[in-house]
């Protein structure tokens, strides 16, 4: 195996641990409090959208329409998102964040940023900058595939 193949192999072995580490850091139940990880991810998605339909949610989160229904129903019941019919097609249901949902997202997001600051402070400015450059590049290549 040549050096490049060894590096790719090492990366493939490291990545699951890194992903679990980030997941543990950012989606710790104590941090999310009364939200599940998918619920928080949906709130985050809705901060980027004015409104979206169930198909958009399912596609963005890679979940089935049944999962979209149960996920959104719990958030509607808690008053974090609202559901309404599309003005042009009453069969289409649209979702958007409520003020309470926006506040909850911001509260958790601030805690996540504090944890990321702690992590990157340990790495230092130069390594953090290098990591960001590499992640941008990776993101670019992944978007193009």
C-alpha atoms as a PDB file:
ATOM      1  CA  UNK A   1       0.000   0.000   0.000  1.00  0.00           C
ATOM      2  CA  UNK A   2       1.450   3.369  -0.981  1.00  0.00           C
ATOM      3  CA  UNK A   3       1.563   6.418   1.315  1.00  0.00           C
ATOM      4  CA  UNK A   4      -1.567   8.007  -0.154  1.00  0.00           C
ATOM      5  CA  UNK A   5      -3.585   4.825   0.345  1.00  0.00           C
ATOM      6  CA  UNK A   6      -2.323   4.602   3.927  1.00  0.00           C
ATOM      7  CA  UNK A   7      -3.481   8.165   4.584  1.00  0.00           C
ATOM      8  CA  UNK A   8      -6.908   7.490   3.094  1.00  0.00           C
ATOM      9  CA  UNK A   9      -7.175   4.332   5.195  1.00  0.00           C
ATOM     10  CA  UNK A  10      -6.152   6.203   8.353  1.00  0.00           C
ATOM     11  CA  UNK A  11      -8.695   8.929   7.611  1.00  0.00           C
ATOM     12  CA  UNK A  12     -11.441   6.331   7.114  1.00  0.00           C
ATOM     13  CA  UNK A  13     -10.599   4.858  10.523  1.00  0.00           C
ATOM     14  CA  UNK A  14     -10.399   8.245  12.261  1.00  0.00           C
ATOM     15  CA  UNK A  15     -13.561   9.765  10.813  1.00  0.00           C
ATOM     16  CA  UNK A  16     -16.136   7.675  12.736  1.00  0.00           C
ATOM     17  CA  UNK A  17     -14.426   8.571  16.033  1.00  0.00           C
ATOM     18  CA  UNK A  18     -14.261  12.247  15.086  1.00  0.00           C
ATOM     19  CA  UNK A  19     -17.936  12.219  14.099  1.00  0.00           C
ATOM     20  CA  UNK A  20     -18.893  10.530  17.387  1.00  0.00           C
ATOM     21  CA  UNK A  21     -16.783  13.076  19.255  1.00  0.00           C
ATOM     22  CA  UNK A  22     -18.458  16.034  17.584  1.00  0.00           C
ATOM     23  CA  UNK A  23     -21.865  14.453  18.055  1.00  0.00           C
ATOM     24  CA  UNK A  24     -21.148  13.955  21.753  1.00  0.00           C
ATOM     25  CA  UNK A  25     -19.850  17.506  22.082  1.00  0.00           C
ATOM     26  CA  UNK A  26     -22.678  19.241  20.211  1.00  0.00           C
ATOM     27  CA  UNK A  27     -25.676  16.944  20.731  1.00  0.00           C
ATOM     28  CA  UNK A  28     -25.177  15.923  24.343  1.00  0.00           C
ATOM     29  CA  UNK A  29     -28.665  15.465  25.860  1.00  0.00           C
ATOM     30  CA  UNK A  30     -27.683  17.764  28.752  1.00  0.00           C
ATOM     31  CA  UNK A  31     -26.915  20.473  26.207  1.00  0.00           C
ATOM     32  CA  UNK A  32     -30.076  19.920  24.170  1.00  0.00           C
ATOM     33  CA  UNK A  33     -32.140  19.686  27.374  1.00  0.00           C
ATOM     34  CA  UNK A  34     -35.615  18.674  26.231  1.00  0.00           C
ATOM     35  CA  UNK A  35     -34.832  18.378  22.507  1.00  0.00           C
ATOM     36  CA  UNK A  36     -33.668  15.331  20.598  1.00  0.00           C
ATOM     37  CA  UNK A  37     -30.833  15.654  18.081  1.00  0.00           C
ATOM     38  CA  UNK A  38     -33.215  15.413  15.087  1.00  0.00           C
ATOM     39  CA  UNK A  39     -35.496  18.040  16.631  1.00  0.00           C
ATOM     40  CA  UNK A  40     -32.572  20.443  17.051  1.00  0.00           C
ATOM     41  CA  UNK A  41     -31.371  19.730  13.512  1.00  0.00           C
ATOM     42  CA  UNK A  42     -34.849  20.531  12.200  1.00  0.00           C
ATOM     43  CA  UNK A  43     -34.912  23.802  14.153  1.00  0.00           C
ATOM     44  CA  UNK A  44     -31.511  24.635  12.659  1.00  0.00           C
ATOM     45  CA  UNK A  45     -32.782  23.838   9.160  1.00  0.00           C
ATOM     46  CA  UNK A  46     -35.824  26.034   9.678  1.00  0.00           C
ATOM     47  CA  UNK A  47     -33.644  28.983  10.750  1.00  0.00           C
ATOM     48  CA  UNK A  48     -32.281  28.918   7.186  1.00  0.00           C
ATOM     49  CA  UNK A  49     -35.724  28.706   5.563  1.00  0.00           C
ATOM     50  CA  UNK A  50     -38.639  31.083   5.779  1.00  0.00           C
ATOM     51  CA  UNK A  51     -40.979  28.161   5.241  1.00  0.00           C
ATOM     52  CA  UNK A  52     -40.577  24.620   3.984  1.00  0.00           C
ATOM     53  CA  UNK A  53     -42.774  21.662   3.236  1.00  0.00           C
ATOM     54  CA  UNK A  54     -42.515  18.100   4.511  1.00  0.00           C
ATOM     55  CA  UNK A  55     -40.703  16.926   1.379  1.00  0.00           C
ATOM     56  CA  UNK A  56     -37.992  19.538   1.880  1.00  0.00           C
ATOM     57  CA  UNK A  57     -37.582  18.454   5.511  1.00  0.00           C
ATOM     58  CA  UNK A  58     -37.337  14.787   4.558  1.00  0.00           C
ATOM     59  CA  UNK A  59     -34.836  15.476   1.808  1.00  0.00           C
ATOM     60  CA  UNK A  60     -32.644  17.735   3.942  1.00  0.00           C
ATOM     61  CA  UNK A  61     -32.632  15.337   6.894  1.00  0.00           C
ATOM     62  CA  UNK A  62     -32.620  12.094   4.870  1.00  0.00           C
ATOM     63  CA  UNK A  63     -35.710  10.757   6.616  1.00  0.00           C
ATOM     64  CA  UNK A  64     -38.997   9.230   5.466  1.00  0.00           C
ATOM     65  CA  UNK A  65     -42.275  11.116   5.277  1.00  0.00           C
ATOM     66  CA  UNK A  66     -43.519   9.142   8.299  1.00  0.00           C
ATOM     67  CA  UNK A  67     -40.503  10.286  10.298  1.00  0.00           C
ATOM     68  CA  UNK A  68     -41.106  13.867   9.169  1.00  0.00           C
ATOM     69  CA  UNK A  69     -44.679  13.634  10.433  1.00  0.00           C
ATOM     70  CA  UNK A  70     -43.746  12.382  13.905  1.00  0.00           C
ATOM     71  CA  UNK A  71     -40.796  14.775  14.213  1.00  0.00           C
ATOM     72  CA  UNK A  72     -42.758  17.849  13.201  1.00  0.00           C
ATOM     73  CA  UNK A  73     -45.838  16.880  15.233  1.00  0.00           C
ATOM     74  CA  UNK A  74     -43.864  16.891  18.485  1.00  0.00           C
ATOM     75  CA  UNK A  75     -42.394  20.302  17.707  1.00  0.00           C
ATOM     76  CA  UNK A  76     -45.800  21.704  16.737  1.00  0.00           C
ATOM     77  CA  UNK A  77     -47.279  20.417  20.013  1.00  0.00           C
ATOM     78  CA  UNK A  78     -44.502  22.168  21.935  1.00  0.00           C
ATOM     79  CA  UNK A  79     -45.079  25.420  20.050  1.00  0.00           C
ATOM     80  CA  UNK A  80     -41.575  25.469  18.532  1.00  0.00           C
ATOM     81  CA  UNK A  81     -42.727  25.263  14.925  1.00  0.00           C
ATOM     82  CA  UNK A  82     -46.005  26.022  13.250  1.00  0.00           C
ATOM     83  CA  UNK A  83     -47.807  24.154  10.522  1.00  0.00           C
ATOM     84  CA  UNK A  84     -50.070  25.762   7.958  1.00  0.00           C
ATOM     85  CA  UNK A  85     -51.487  24.950   4.558  1.00  0.00           C
ATOM     86  CA  UNK A  86     -49.803  26.329   1.459  1.00  0.00           C
ATOM     87  CA  UNK A  87     -51.851  29.269   0.123  1.00  0.00           C
ATOM     88  CA  UNK A  88     -51.955  27.865  -3.419  1.00  0.00           C
ATOM     89  CA  UNK A  89     -52.356  24.153  -2.633  1.00  0.00           C
ATOM     90  CA  UNK A  90     -54.140  23.185   0.575  1.00  0.00           C
ATOM     91  CA  UNK A  91     -52.755  19.622   0.285  1.00  0.00           C
ATOM     92  CA  UNK A  92     -49.237  20.941   0.944  1.00  0.00           C
ATOM     93  CA  UNK A  93     -48.326  21.585   4.570  1.00  0.00           C
ATOM     94  CA  UNK A  94     -45.735  24.267   5.297  1.00  0.00           C
ATOM     95  CA  UNK A  95     -43.581  24.531   8.424  1.00  0.00           C
ATOM     96  CA  UNK A  96     -41.881  27.526   9.961  1.00  0.00           C
ATOM     97  CA  UNK A  97     -40.239  28.442  13.258  1.00  0.00           C
ATOM     98  CA  UNK A  98     -42.202  30.187  15.962  1.00  0.00           C
ATOM     99  CA  UNK A  99     -40.619  32.811  18.208  1.00  0.00           C
ATOM    100  CA  UNK A 100     -40.321  30.117  20.908  1.00  0.00           C
ATOM    101  CA  UNK A 101     -38.600  27.818  18.402  1.00  0.00           C
ATOM    102  CA  UNK A 102     -36.159  30.545  17.394  1.00  0.00           C
ATOM    103  CA  UNK A 103     -35.398  31.287  21.051  1.00  0.00           C
ATOM    104  CA  UNK A 104     -34.849  27.592  21.827  1.00  0.00           C
ATOM    105  CA  UNK A 105     -32.551  27.210  18.831  1.00  0.00           C
ATOM    106  CA  UNK A 106     -30.516  30.263  19.851  1.00  0.00           C
ATOM    107  CA  UNK A 107     -30.228  29.038  23.445  1.00  0.00           C
ATOM    108  CA  UNK A 108     -28.846  25.641  22.420  1.00  0.00           C
ATOM    109  CA  UNK A 109     -26.708  27.109  19.642  1.00  0.00           C
ATOM    110  CA  UNK A 110     -25.009  29.439  22.122  1.00  0.00           C
ATOM    111  CA  UNK A 111     -24.116  26.462  24.320  1.00  0.00           C
ATOM    112  CA  UNK A 112     -22.762  24.628  21.283  1.00  0.00           C
ATOM    113  CA  UNK A 113     -20.605  27.613  20.361  1.00  0.00           C
ATOM    114  CA  UNK A 114     -19.207  27.713  23.898  1.00  0.00           C
ATOM    115  CA  UNK A 115     -18.212  24.063  23.582  1.00  0.00           C
ATOM    116  CA  UNK A 116     -16.643  24.649  20.174  1.00  0.00           C
ATOM    117  CA  UNK A 117     -14.719  27.599  21.565  1.00  0.00           C
ATOM    118  CA  UNK A 118     -13.400  25.343  24.332  1.00  0.00           C
ATOM    119  CA  UNK A 119     -12.288  22.729  21.778  1.00  0.00           C
ATOM    120  CA  UNK A 120     -10.678  25.126  19.324  1.00  0.00           C
ATOM    121  CA  UNK A 121      -9.041  27.100  22.117  1.00  0.00           C
ATOM    122  CA  UNK A 122      -7.197  23.887  22.981  1.00  0.00           C
ATOM    123  CA  UNK A 123      -6.071  23.547  19.353  1.00  0.00           C
ATOM    124  CA  UNK A 124      -4.974  27.142  19.035  1.00  0.00           C
ATOM    125  CA  UNK A 125      -5.597  29.774  16.408  1.00  0.00           C
ATOM    126  CA  UNK A 126      -3.273  28.473  13.679  1.00  0.00           C
ATOM    127  CA  UNK A 127      -4.520  24.878  13.769  1.00  0.00           C
ATOM    128  CA  UNK A 128      -8.117  26.055  13.936  1.00  0.00           C
ATOM    129  CA  UNK A 129      -7.599  28.241  10.857  1.00  0.00           C
ATOM    130  CA  UNK A 130      -6.009  25.302   9.026  1.00  0.00           C
ATOM    131  CA  UNK A 131      -8.902  23.052   9.980  1.00  0.00           C
ATOM    132  CA  UNK A 132     -11.463  25.566   8.746  1.00  0.00           C
ATOM    133  CA  UNK A 133      -9.665  25.890   5.403  1.00  0.00           C
ATOM    134  CA  UNK A 134      -9.600  22.106   5.035  1.00  0.00           C
ATOM    135  CA  UNK A 135     -13.262  21.743   5.998  1.00  0.00           C
ATOM    136  CA  UNK A 136     -14.254  24.395   3.450  1.00  0.00           C
ATOM    137  CA  UNK A 137     -12.343  22.502   0.795  1.00  0.00           C
ATOM    138  CA  UNK A 138     -13.845  19.163   1.824  1.00  0.00           C
ATOM    139  CA  UNK A 139     -17.292  20.699   1.788  1.00  0.00           C
ATOM    140  CA  UNK A 140     -16.662  22.020  -1.711  1.00  0.00           C
ATOM    141  CA  UNK A 141     -15.595  18.592  -3.010  1.00  0.00           C
ATOM    142  CA  UNK A 142     -18.519  16.859  -1.310  1.00  0.00           C
ATOM    143  CA  UNK A 143     -20.979  19.340  -2.803  1.00  0.00           C
ATOM    144  CA  UNK A 144     -19.604  18.652  -6.281  1.00  0.00           C
ATOM    145  CA  UNK A 145     -19.911  14.861  -6.204  1.00  0.00           C
END
